[in-house]
Amino acid sequence: MLDDIDRRMVEILVEDARVSLKELAQRVGLSSPSASERLKRLEERGVIRGFTVDVDPVALGYTLQAIVRIRPLPGKLHVVQDLIQQIPQFSECDKVTGDDCFVGRLHIRSIDELDTILDRIADKAETSSSIVKAQPVKRRLPPLA
């Protein structure tokens, strides 16, 4: 469970992981050593797993996103999972319950690129894809309560 200070520290770091320790401490009303100790405890508890950079795929030329539902053919589950892991355009993929085994998000430059990727999977799985028009909710944390 997070107290109010821990919660605020996490919120600040999610907004800007590059914030200095001094500024972080000031914003939560602690000394730098106290903030550093709290930060260390948050990392040790696994609340904070790392610090990252937010890269915009569009700036790299990936102007389209696709959501792909993947249902491996009988006996092909592990082959399909390995293949998904090897395709760098899959920015994330979840193994799910239900008719489909995987739901993945791809960043692609064109519909032709999507076709090429799906062709690599076609003899091992059934796929259903949708092009993302907008993302009204960006990836975010669950409530920190």
C-alpha atoms as a PDB file:
ATOM      1  CA  MET A   1       0.000   0.000   0.000  1.00  0.00           C
ATOM      2  CA  LEU A   2       1.274   3.478  -0.829  1.00  0.00           C
ATOM      3  CA  ASP A   3       1.013   6.430   1.492  1.00  0.00           C
ATOM      4  CA  ASP A   4       0.285   9.911   0.154  1.00  0.00           C
ATOM      5  CA  ILE A   5       3.962  10.828  -0.295  1.00  0.00           C
ATOM      6  CA  ASP A   6       4.817   7.581  -2.108  1.00  0.00           C
ATOM      7  CA  ARG A   7       1.756   8.005  -4.323  1.00  0.00           C
ATOM      8  CA  ARG A   8       2.752  11.588  -5.180  1.00  0.00           C
ATOM      9  CA  MET A   9       6.341  10.526  -5.926  1.00  0.00           C
ATOM     10  CA  VAL A  10       5.118   7.864  -8.342  1.00  0.00           C
ATOM     11  CA  GLU A  11       2.752  10.322 -10.030  1.00  0.00           C
ATOM     12  CA  ILE A  12       5.566  12.867 -10.469  1.00  0.00           C
ATOM     13  CA  LEU A  13       7.924  10.241 -11.899  1.00  0.00           C
ATOM     14  CA  VAL A  14       5.268   8.971 -14.310  1.00  0.00           C
ATOM     15  CA  GLU A  15       4.842  12.537 -15.590  1.00  0.00           C
ATOM     16  CA  ASP A  16       8.611  13.018 -15.961  1.00  0.00           C
ATOM     17  CA  ALA A  17      11.060  10.247 -15.024  1.00  0.00           C
ATOM     18  CA  ARG A  18      13.938  12.682 -15.624  1.00  0.00           C
ATOM     19  CA  VAL A  19      12.963  14.961 -12.724  1.00  0.00           C
ATOM     20  CA  SER A  20      15.952  15.560 -10.454  1.00  0.00           C
ATOM     21  CA  LEU A  21      15.991  14.064  -6.982  1.00  0.00           C
ATOM     22  CA  LYS A  22      16.203  17.579  -5.547  1.00  0.00           C
ATOM     23  CA  GLU A  23      13.074  18.707  -7.417  1.00  0.00           C
ATOM     24  CA  LEU A  24      11.233  15.482  -6.568  1.00  0.00           C
ATOM     25  CA  ALA A  25      12.036  15.996  -2.877  1.00  0.00           C
ATOM     26  CA  GLN A  26      10.886  19.616  -2.977  1.00  0.00           C
ATOM     27  CA  ARG A  27       7.619  18.740  -4.699  1.00  0.00           C
ATOM     28  CA  VAL A  28       6.707  16.151  -2.055  1.00  0.00           C
ATOM     29  CA  GLY A  29       8.007  18.175   0.903  1.00  0.00           C
ATOM     30  CA  LEU A  30      10.971  15.979   1.883  1.00  0.00           C
ATOM     31  CA  SER A  31      14.723  16.377   2.110  1.00  0.00           C
ATOM     32  CA  SER A  32      16.731  14.886  -0.737  1.00  0.00           C
ATOM     33  CA  PRO A  33      18.082  12.035   1.466  1.00  0.00           C
ATOM     34  CA  SER A  34      14.548  11.169   2.644  1.00  0.00           C
ATOM     35  CA  ALA A  35      13.209  11.214  -0.907  1.00  0.00           C
ATOM     36  CA  SER A  36      16.134   9.063  -2.035  1.00  0.00           C
ATOM     37  CA  GLU A  37      15.406   6.507   0.700  1.00  0.00           C
ATOM     38  CA  ARG A  38      11.702   6.378  -0.224  1.00  0.00           C
ATOM     39  CA  LEU A  39      12.588   5.989  -3.884  1.00  0.00           C
ATOM     40  CA  LYS A  40      14.938   3.129  -3.008  1.00  0.00           C
ATOM     41  CA  ARG A  41      12.187   1.397  -0.996  1.00  0.00           C
ATOM     42  CA  LEU A  42       9.710   1.819  -3.876  1.00  0.00           C
ATOM     43  CA  GLU A  43      12.216   0.136  -6.188  1.00  0.00           C
ATOM     44  CA  GLU A  44      12.947  -2.665  -3.697  1.00  0.00           C
ATOM     45  CA  ARG A  45       9.211  -3.357  -3.317  1.00  0.00           C
ATOM     46  CA  GLY A  46       8.843  -3.543  -7.092  1.00  0.00           C
ATOM     47  CA  VAL A  47       6.477  -0.556  -7.272  1.00  0.00           C
ATOM     48  CA  ILE A  48       8.975   1.198  -9.543  1.00  0.00           C
ATOM     49  CA  ARG A  49      10.548  -1.282 -11.946  1.00  0.00           C
ATOM     50  CA  GLY A  50      12.689   1.145 -13.882  1.00  0.00           C
ATOM     51  CA  PHE A  51      12.971   4.512 -15.535  1.00  0.00           C
ATOM     52  CA  THR A  52      12.325   4.877 -19.229  1.00  0.00           C
ATOM     53  CA  VAL A  53      12.081   7.164 -22.217  1.00  0.00           C
ATOM     54  CA  ASP A  54       8.786   7.715 -24.043  1.00  0.00           C
ATOM     55  CA  VAL A  55       9.476   7.395 -27.779  1.00  0.00           C
ATOM     56  CA  ASP A  56       6.839   8.465 -30.315  1.00  0.00           C
ATOM     57  CA  PRO A  57       6.545   5.736 -32.996  1.00  0.00           C
ATOM     58  CA  VAL A  58       5.137   8.289 -35.467  1.00  0.00           C
ATOM     59  CA  ALA A  59       8.412  10.235 -35.254  1.00  0.00           C
ATOM     60  CA  LEU A  60      10.153   7.028 -36.349  1.00  0.00           C
ATOM     61  CA  GLY A  61       7.846   6.656 -39.367  1.00  0.00           C
ATOM     62  CA  TYR A  62       5.354   4.193 -37.850  1.00  0.00           C
ATOM     63  CA  THR A  63       2.217   6.116 -38.743  1.00  0.00           C
ATOM     64  CA  LEU A  64      -0.231   3.243 -38.284  1.00  0.00           C
ATOM     65  CA  GLN A  65      -1.139   0.986 -35.409  1.00  0.00           C
ATOM     66  CA  ALA A  66      -2.994  -2.292 -35.710  1.00  0.00           C
ATOM     67  CA  ILE A  67      -4.594  -4.508 -33.109  1.00  0.00           C
ATOM     68  CA  VAL A  68      -4.329  -8.149 -34.127  1.00  0.00           C
ATOM     69  CA  ARG A  69      -6.195 -11.057 -32.575  1.00  0.00           C
ATOM     70  CA  ILE A  70      -4.335 -14.310 -33.152  1.00  0.00           C
ATOM     71  CA  ARG A  71      -5.703 -17.841 -32.831  1.00  0.00           C
ATOM     72  CA  PRO A  72      -2.942 -20.445 -33.353  1.00  0.00           C
ATOM     73  CA  LEU A  73      -3.815 -23.593 -35.266  1.00  0.00           C
ATOM     74  CA  PRO A  74      -3.796 -26.814 -33.216  1.00  0.00           C
ATOM     75  CA  GLY A  75      -0.310 -27.628 -31.962  1.00  0.00           C
ATOM     76  CA  LYS A  76       1.134 -24.259 -33.054  1.00  0.00           C
ATOM     77  CA  LEU A  77       0.749 -22.214 -29.845  1.00  0.00           C
ATOM     78  CA  HIS A  78       4.441 -22.115 -28.909  1.00  0.00           C
ATOM     79  CA  VAL A  79       5.563 -21.654 -32.519  1.00  0.00           C
ATOM     80  CA  VAL A  80       3.233 -18.662 -32.882  1.00  0.00           C
ATOM     81  CA  GLN A  81       4.316 -17.194 -29.546  1.00  0.00           C
ATOM     82  CA  ASP A  82       7.981 -17.441 -30.567  1.00  0.00           C
ATOM     83  CA  LEU A  83       7.198 -15.864 -33.942  1.00  0.00           C
ATOM     84  CA  ILE A  84       5.350 -12.950 -32.324  1.00  0.00           C
ATOM     85  CA  GLN A  85       8.330 -12.330 -30.055  1.00  0.00           C
ATOM     86  CA  GLN A  86      10.633 -12.209 -33.095  1.00  0.00           C
ATOM     87  CA  ILE A  87       8.586  -9.633 -35.033  1.00  0.00           C
ATOM     88  CA  PRO A  88       9.797  -6.212 -33.846  1.00  0.00           C
ATOM     89  CA  GLN A  89       6.681  -4.374 -35.021  1.00  0.00           C
ATOM     90  CA  PHE A  90       4.754  -6.014 -32.151  1.00  0.00           C
ATOM     91  CA  SER A  91       5.144  -3.346 -29.487  1.00  0.00           C
ATOM     92  CA  GLU A  92       3.094  -5.404 -27.040  1.00  0.00           C
ATOM     93  CA  CYS A  93       1.171  -8.643 -26.983  1.00  0.00           C
ATOM     94  CA  ASP A  94      -1.031 -10.285 -24.370  1.00  0.00           C
ATOM     95  CA  LYS A  95      -1.796 -13.967 -24.001  1.00  0.00           C
ATOM     96  CA  VAL A  96      -5.531 -14.053 -23.296  1.00  0.00           C
ATOM     97  CA  THR A  97      -8.397 -16.409 -22.531  1.00  0.00           C
ATOM     98  CA  GLY A  98     -11.214 -17.012 -24.977  1.00  0.00           C
ATOM     99  CA  ASP A  99     -11.198 -17.981 -28.629  1.00  0.00           C
ATOM    100  CA  ASP A 100      -8.058 -16.002 -29.431  1.00  0.00           C
ATOM    101  CA  CYS A 101      -4.839 -16.840 -27.623  1.00  0.00           C
ATOM    102  CA  PHE A 102      -3.020 -13.566 -28.313  1.00  0.00           C
ATOM    103  CA  VAL A 103      -3.964  -9.917 -28.767  1.00  0.00           C
ATOM    104  CA  GLY A 104      -1.127  -7.772 -30.060  1.00  0.00           C
ATOM    105  CA  ARG A 105      -0.453  -4.161 -30.926  1.00  0.00           C
ATOM    106  CA  LEU A 106       1.719  -3.492 -33.941  1.00  0.00           C
ATOM    107  CA  HIS A 107       3.319  -0.258 -35.075  1.00  0.00           C
ATOM    108  CA  ILE A 108       3.586  -0.277 -38.859  1.00  0.00           C
ATOM    109  CA  ARG A 109       4.457   2.080 -41.697  1.00  0.00           C
ATOM    110  CA  SER A 110       1.823   0.849 -44.158  1.00  0.00           C
ATOM    111  CA  ILE A 111      -0.965  -1.617 -44.785  1.00  0.00           C
ATOM    112  CA  ASP A 112       1.452  -3.518 -47.031  1.00  0.00           C
ATOM    113  CA  GLU A 113       3.767  -3.956 -44.046  1.00  0.00           C
ATOM    114  CA  LEU A 114       0.835  -5.345 -42.024  1.00  0.00           C
ATOM    115  CA  ASP A 115       0.085  -7.807 -44.828  1.00  0.00           C
ATOM    116  CA  THR A 116       3.714  -8.949 -44.900  1.00  0.00           C
ATOM    117  CA  ILE A 117       3.704  -9.533 -41.136  1.00  0.00           C
ATOM    118  CA  LEU A 118       0.386 -11.385 -41.160  1.00  0.00           C
ATOM    119  CA  ASP A 119       1.587 -13.532 -44.071  1.00  0.00           C
ATOM    120  CA  ARG A 120       4.411 -14.777 -41.797  1.00  0.00           C
ATOM    121  CA  ILE A 121       1.774 -16.037 -39.345  1.00  0.00           C
ATOM    122  CA  ALA A 122      -0.933 -17.186 -41.797  1.00  0.00           C
ATOM    123  CA  ASP A 123       0.122 -20.841 -42.054  1.00  0.00           C
ATOM    124  CA  LYS A 124       0.319 -21.140 -38.259  1.00  0.00           C
ATOM    125  CA  ALA A 125      -2.664 -19.135 -37.011  1.00  0.00           C
ATOM    126  CA  GLU A 126      -5.888 -17.371 -37.888  1.00  0.00           C
ATOM    127  CA  THR A 127      -5.718 -13.603 -37.481  1.00  0.00           C
ATOM    128  CA  SER A 128      -8.150 -10.742 -37.307  1.00  0.00           C
ATOM    129  CA  SER A 129      -6.811  -7.197 -37.472  1.00  0.00           C
ATOM    130  CA  SER A 130      -8.141  -3.709 -36.876  1.00  0.00           C
ATOM    131  CA  ILE A 131      -6.438  -0.422 -37.673  1.00  0.00           C
ATOM    132  CA  VAL A 132      -6.362   1.979 -34.730  1.00  0.00           C
ATOM    133  CA  LYS A 133      -8.046   5.292 -35.616  1.00  0.00           C
ATOM    134  CA  ALA A 134      -7.421   7.034 -32.290  1.00  0.00           C
ATOM    135  CA  GLN A 135      -6.320   6.169 -28.780  1.00  0.00           C
ATOM    136  CA  PRO A 136      -8.678   8.008 -26.392  1.00  0.00           C
ATOM    137  CA  VAL A 137      -6.961   6.403 -23.376  1.00  0.00           C
ATOM    138  CA  LYS A 138      -3.186   6.199 -23.550  1.00  0.00           C
ATOM    139  CA  ARG A 139      -1.349   3.592 -21.502  1.00  0.00           C
ATOM    140  CA  ARG A 140      -1.695   4.690 -17.889  1.00  0.00           C
ATOM    141  CA  LEU A 141      -1.328   3.431 -14.385  1.00  0.00           C
ATOM    142  CA  PRO A 142      -4.219   1.922 -12.464  1.00  0.00           C
ATOM    143  CA  PRO A 143      -5.393   4.039  -9.514  1.00  0.00           C
ATOM    144  CA  LEU A 144      -2.622   4.409  -6.937  1.00  0.00           C
ATOM    145  CA  ALA A 145      -5.017   4.191  -3.990  1.00  0.00           C
END
